[in-house]
């Protein structure tokens, strides 16, 4: 899992890739667990033709559990996943 994020606004709009290099989309939002003061998930906008859009069946926002995020820098790298591990959001 990625280290703590000090400012959530710094990751909004960043490109998201899988660890194997497949492009997924851009970060649209971060979901928080206020009880634990921690990130719960990142919401990724799956762009047409991206790996994520192919996995979830189209262009939509997808909730990625934060435990799947490997690193955050100029881009965000997440673990490869099964469709059942992510949640589509209209």
N, C-alpha and C. Protein backbone atom coordinates (compact mmCIF):
# COMPACT_ATOMS: atom_id res chain seq x y z
N UNK A 1 0.84 -1.18 0.00
CA UNK A 1 0.00 0.00 0.00
C UNK A 1 0.89 1.24 0.00
N UNK A 2 0.42 2.27 -0.63
CA UNK A 2 1.16 3.52 -0.72
C UNK A 2 1.26 4.17 0.66
N UNK A 3 2.27 5.00 0.82
CA UNK A 3 2.44 5.72 2.08
C UNK A 3 1.32 6.72 2.28
N UNK A 4 1.30 7.33 3.45
CA UNK A 4 0.26 8.31 3.77
C UNK A 4 0.29 9.48 2.80
N UNK A 5 -0.89 10.00 2.52
CA UNK A 5 -1.03 11.18 1.67
C UNK A 5 -1.20 12.37 2.60
N UNK A 6 -0.40 13.40 2.40
CA UNK A 6 -0.51 14.57 3.25
C UNK A 6 -1.58 15.54 2.76
N UNK A 7 -1.76 15.63 1.46
CA UNK A 7 -2.72 16.55 0.89
C UNK A 7 -3.44 15.84 -0.26
N UNK A 8 -4.71 15.50 -0.06
CA UNK A 8 -5.45 14.74 -1.05
C UNK A 8 -5.59 15.47 -2.38
N UNK A 9 -5.58 16.79 -2.34
CA UNK A 9 -5.74 17.54 -3.59
C UNK A 9 -4.56 17.33 -4.53
N UNK A 10 -3.44 16.86 -4.03
CA UNK A 10 -2.27 16.66 -4.89
C UNK A 10 -2.42 15.43 -5.79
N UNK A 11 -3.32 14.50 -5.46
CA UNK A 11 -3.44 13.32 -6.32
C UNK A 11 -4.62 13.41 -7.29
N UNK A 12 -5.51 14.37 -7.08
CA UNK A 12 -6.65 14.50 -7.99
C UNK A 12 -6.15 14.86 -9.39
N UNK A 13 -6.61 14.13 -10.39
CA UNK A 13 -6.21 14.37 -11.77
C UNK A 13 -4.98 13.61 -12.22
N UNK A 14 -4.31 12.90 -11.29
CA UNK A 14 -3.12 12.14 -11.68
C UNK A 14 -3.52 10.92 -12.51
N UNK A 15 -2.63 10.53 -13.42
CA UNK A 15 -2.84 9.33 -14.22
C UNK A 15 -2.62 8.10 -13.36
N UNK A 16 -3.44 7.06 -13.62
CA UNK A 16 -3.37 5.81 -12.87
C UNK A 16 -3.01 4.69 -13.84
N UNK A 17 -2.01 3.89 -13.45
CA UNK A 17 -1.56 2.75 -14.23
C UNK A 17 -1.54 1.51 -13.34
N UNK A 18 -1.66 0.32 -13.96
CA UNK A 18 -1.47 -0.92 -13.22
C UNK A 18 0.03 -1.17 -13.10
N UNK A 19 0.40 -2.10 -12.23
CA UNK A 19 1.83 -2.41 -12.06
C UNK A 19 2.44 -3.01 -13.32
N UNK A 20 1.61 -3.52 -14.23
CA UNK A 20 2.13 -4.06 -15.49
C UNK A 20 2.17 -2.98 -16.59
N UNK A 21 1.79 -1.75 -16.26
CA UNK A 21 1.93 -0.64 -17.19
C UNK A 21 0.69 -0.28 -17.99
N UNK A 22 -0.46 -0.90 -17.71
CA UNK A 22 -1.70 -0.60 -18.43
C UNK A 22 -2.33 0.69 -17.88
N UNK A 23 -2.72 1.59 -18.80
CA UNK A 23 -3.34 2.85 -18.39
C UNK A 23 -4.79 2.62 -17.98
N UNK A 24 -5.19 3.22 -16.86
CA UNK A 24 -6.55 3.05 -16.33
C UNK A 24 -7.41 4.30 -16.44
N UNK A 25 -6.85 5.47 -16.20
CA UNK A 25 -7.62 6.71 -16.22
C UNK A 25 -6.99 7.72 -15.28
N UNK A 26 -7.82 8.67 -14.82
CA UNK A 26 -7.35 9.73 -13.92
C UNK A 26 -8.12 9.68 -12.61
N UNK A 27 -7.45 10.08 -11.52
CA UNK A 27 -8.09 10.13 -10.21
C UNK A 27 -9.13 11.24 -10.22
N UNK A 28 -10.35 10.91 -9.86
CA UNK A 28 -11.44 11.88 -9.78
C UNK A 28 -11.70 12.33 -8.34
N UNK A 29 -11.47 11.42 -7.39
CA UNK A 29 -11.81 11.72 -6.00
C UNK A 29 -11.10 10.74 -5.09
N UNK A 30 -11.10 11.03 -3.79
CA UNK A 30 -10.57 10.14 -2.76
C UNK A 30 -11.66 9.94 -1.73
N UNK A 31 -11.93 8.68 -1.39
CA UNK A 31 -12.90 8.39 -0.34
C UNK A 31 -12.15 8.17 0.96
N UNK A 32 -12.66 8.77 2.03
CA UNK A 32 -11.99 8.73 3.32
C UNK A 32 -12.74 7.88 4.33
N UNK A 33 -12.01 7.29 5.25
CA UNK A 33 -12.58 6.63 6.42
C UNK A 33 -12.30 7.58 7.57
N UNK A 34 -13.29 8.38 7.91
CA UNK A 34 -13.09 9.42 8.93
C UNK A 34 -12.87 8.83 10.32
N UNK A 35 -13.39 7.63 10.55
CA UNK A 35 -13.18 6.98 11.84
C UNK A 35 -11.72 6.62 12.08
N UNK A 36 -11.02 6.32 11.01
CA UNK A 36 -9.61 5.94 11.11
C UNK A 36 -8.67 7.03 10.60
N UNK A 37 -9.23 8.14 10.13
CA UNK A 37 -8.44 9.23 9.55
C UNK A 37 -7.49 8.70 8.47
N UNK A 38 -8.06 7.91 7.55
CA UNK A 38 -7.24 7.29 6.49
C UNK A 38 -8.01 7.26 5.18
N UNK A 39 -7.27 7.10 4.09
CA UNK A 39 -7.90 6.93 2.78
C UNK A 39 -8.52 5.54 2.71
N UNK A 40 -9.76 5.46 2.20
CA UNK A 40 -10.44 4.19 2.02
C UNK A 40 -10.31 3.71 0.58
N UNK A 41 -10.40 4.65 -0.36
CA UNK A 41 -10.38 4.29 -1.77
C UNK A 41 -10.07 5.51 -2.62
N UNK A 42 -9.66 5.25 -3.86
CA UNK A 42 -9.53 6.32 -4.85
C UNK A 42 -10.57 6.04 -5.93
N UNK A 43 -11.18 7.10 -6.43
CA UNK A 43 -12.17 6.98 -7.50
C UNK A 43 -11.45 7.35 -8.79
N UNK A 44 -11.41 6.39 -9.72
CA UNK A 44 -10.70 6.58 -10.98
C UNK A 44 -11.71 6.69 -12.11
N UNK A 45 -11.58 7.71 -12.91
CA UNK A 45 -12.42 7.86 -14.10
C UNK A 45 -11.84 7.01 -15.21
N UNK A 46 -12.47 5.88 -15.48
CA UNK A 46 -12.00 4.98 -16.55
C UNK A 46 -12.28 5.63 -17.89
N UNK A 47 -11.24 5.91 -18.65
CA UNK A 47 -11.39 6.59 -19.93
C UNK A 47 -11.61 5.57 -21.04
N UNK A 48 -12.36 5.97 -22.06
CA UNK A 48 -12.64 5.09 -23.20
C UNK A 48 -11.37 4.45 -23.73
N UNK A 49 -11.42 3.14 -23.92
CA UNK A 49 -10.30 2.41 -24.47
C UNK A 49 -9.23 2.03 -23.46
N UNK A 50 -9.35 2.49 -22.23
CA UNK A 50 -8.34 2.17 -21.22
C UNK A 50 -8.54 0.74 -20.71
N UNK A 51 -7.51 0.23 -20.07
CA UNK A 51 -7.56 -1.11 -19.47
C UNK A 51 -8.72 -1.21 -18.48
N UNK A 52 -8.90 -0.19 -17.66
CA UNK A 52 -9.96 -0.20 -16.66
C UNK A 52 -11.34 -0.19 -17.31
N UNK A 53 -11.52 0.60 -18.34
CA UNK A 53 -12.81 0.65 -19.04
C UNK A 53 -13.14 -0.70 -19.66
N UNK A 54 -12.15 -1.39 -20.17
CA UNK A 54 -12.37 -2.73 -20.73
C UNK A 54 -12.77 -3.71 -19.65
N UNK A 55 -12.17 -3.59 -18.46
CA UNK A 55 -12.47 -4.50 -17.35
C UNK A 55 -13.87 -4.29 -16.79
N UNK A 56 -14.32 -3.03 -16.70
CA UNK A 56 -15.61 -2.74 -16.06
C UNK A 56 -16.73 -2.50 -17.06
N UNK A 57 -16.42 -2.59 -18.33
CA UNK A 57 -17.47 -2.49 -19.33
C UNK A 57 -17.85 -1.07 -19.73
N UNK A 58 -16.89 -0.20 -19.86
CA UNK A 58 -17.19 1.15 -20.36
C UNK A 58 -16.56 2.24 -19.54
N UNK A 59 -16.83 3.45 -19.99
CA UNK A 59 -16.28 4.64 -19.36
C UNK A 59 -17.16 5.03 -18.18
N UNK A 60 -16.64 4.90 -16.98
CA UNK A 60 -17.37 5.27 -15.76
C UNK A 60 -16.37 5.47 -14.63
N UNK A 61 -16.83 6.00 -13.53
CA UNK A 61 -15.99 6.13 -12.35
C UNK A 61 -15.95 4.80 -11.62
N UNK A 62 -14.76 4.42 -11.19
CA UNK A 62 -14.56 3.13 -10.54
C UNK A 62 -13.87 3.35 -9.20
N UNK A 63 -14.40 2.72 -8.16
CA UNK A 63 -13.83 2.82 -6.82
C UNK A 63 -12.76 1.74 -6.66
N UNK A 64 -11.53 2.18 -6.41
CA UNK A 64 -10.41 1.27 -6.23
C UNK A 64 -10.02 1.30 -4.74
N UNK A 65 -10.10 0.16 -4.04
CA UNK A 65 -9.71 0.15 -2.63
C UNK A 65 -8.27 0.66 -2.47
N UNK A 66 -8.04 1.48 -1.46
CA UNK A 66 -6.73 2.10 -1.28
C UNK A 66 -5.63 1.06 -1.05
N UNK A 67 -5.99 -0.09 -0.52
CA UNK A 67 -5.00 -1.15 -0.29
C UNK A 67 -4.37 -1.63 -1.59
N UNK A 68 -5.02 -1.35 -2.73
CA UNK A 68 -4.50 -1.76 -4.03
C UNK A 68 -3.52 -0.74 -4.63
N UNK A 69 -3.39 0.42 -4.00
CA UNK A 69 -2.47 1.44 -4.50
C UNK A 69 -1.05 1.10 -4.03
N UNK A 70 -0.14 0.95 -5.00
CA UNK A 70 1.25 0.61 -4.68
C UNK A 70 2.09 1.84 -4.41
N UNK A 71 1.93 2.86 -5.25
CA UNK A 71 2.76 4.05 -5.08
C UNK A 71 2.06 5.28 -5.66
N UNK A 72 2.43 6.41 -5.09
CA UNK A 72 1.92 7.69 -5.56
C UNK A 72 3.12 8.61 -5.75
N UNK A 73 3.29 9.08 -6.97
CA UNK A 73 4.36 10.02 -7.28
C UNK A 73 3.84 10.91 -8.41
N UNK A 74 4.53 10.98 -9.53
CA UNK A 74 4.02 11.73 -10.68
C UNK A 74 2.80 11.03 -11.26
N UNK A 75 2.77 9.71 -11.11
CA UNK A 75 1.62 8.89 -11.49
C UNK A 75 1.25 8.03 -10.30
N UNK A 76 0.10 7.36 -10.40
CA UNK A 76 -0.31 6.42 -9.36
C UNK A 76 -0.23 5.02 -9.95
N UNK A 77 0.41 4.11 -9.22
CA UNK A 77 0.53 2.73 -9.66
C UNK A 77 -0.29 1.87 -8.71
N UNK A 78 -1.15 1.03 -9.29
CA UNK A 78 -1.97 0.14 -8.47
C UNK A 78 -1.73 -1.30 -8.90
N UNK A 79 -2.08 -2.23 -8.02
CA UNK A 79 -1.96 -3.65 -8.32
C UNK A 79 -2.88 -4.01 -9.48
N UNK A 80 -2.49 -5.03 -10.26
CA UNK A 80 -3.42 -5.59 -11.23
C UNK A 80 -4.58 -6.19 -10.42
N UNK A 81 -5.75 -6.30 -11.01
CA UNK A 81 -6.93 -6.68 -10.24
C UNK A 81 -7.89 -7.55 -11.03
N UNK A 82 -8.79 -8.16 -10.30
CA UNK A 82 -9.93 -8.87 -10.87
C UNK A 82 -11.12 -7.92 -10.83
N UNK A 83 -12.04 -8.07 -11.75
CA UNK A 83 -13.20 -7.18 -11.82
C UNK A 83 -13.98 -7.15 -10.50
N UNK A 84 -14.03 -8.27 -9.79
CA UNK A 84 -14.78 -8.34 -8.53
C UNK A 84 -14.16 -7.48 -7.43
N UNK A 85 -12.91 -7.04 -7.60
CA UNK A 85 -12.23 -6.26 -6.57
C UNK A 85 -12.52 -4.77 -6.66
N UNK A 86 -13.12 -4.33 -7.75
CA UNK A 86 -13.43 -2.91 -7.92
C UNK A 86 -14.93 -2.72 -8.06
N UNK A 87 -15.37 -1.51 -7.82
CA UNK A 87 -16.80 -1.22 -7.81
C UNK A 87 -17.09 -0.07 -8.78
N UNK A 88 -17.97 -0.32 -9.73
CA UNK A 88 -18.37 0.73 -10.66
C UNK A 88 -19.27 1.73 -9.97
N UNK A 89 -19.19 2.97 -10.38
CA UNK A 89 -19.98 4.03 -9.76
C UNK A 89 -20.53 4.91 -10.86
N UNK A 90 -21.82 5.01 -11.00
CA UNK A 90 -22.44 5.81 -12.07
C UNK A 90 -22.32 7.28 -11.79
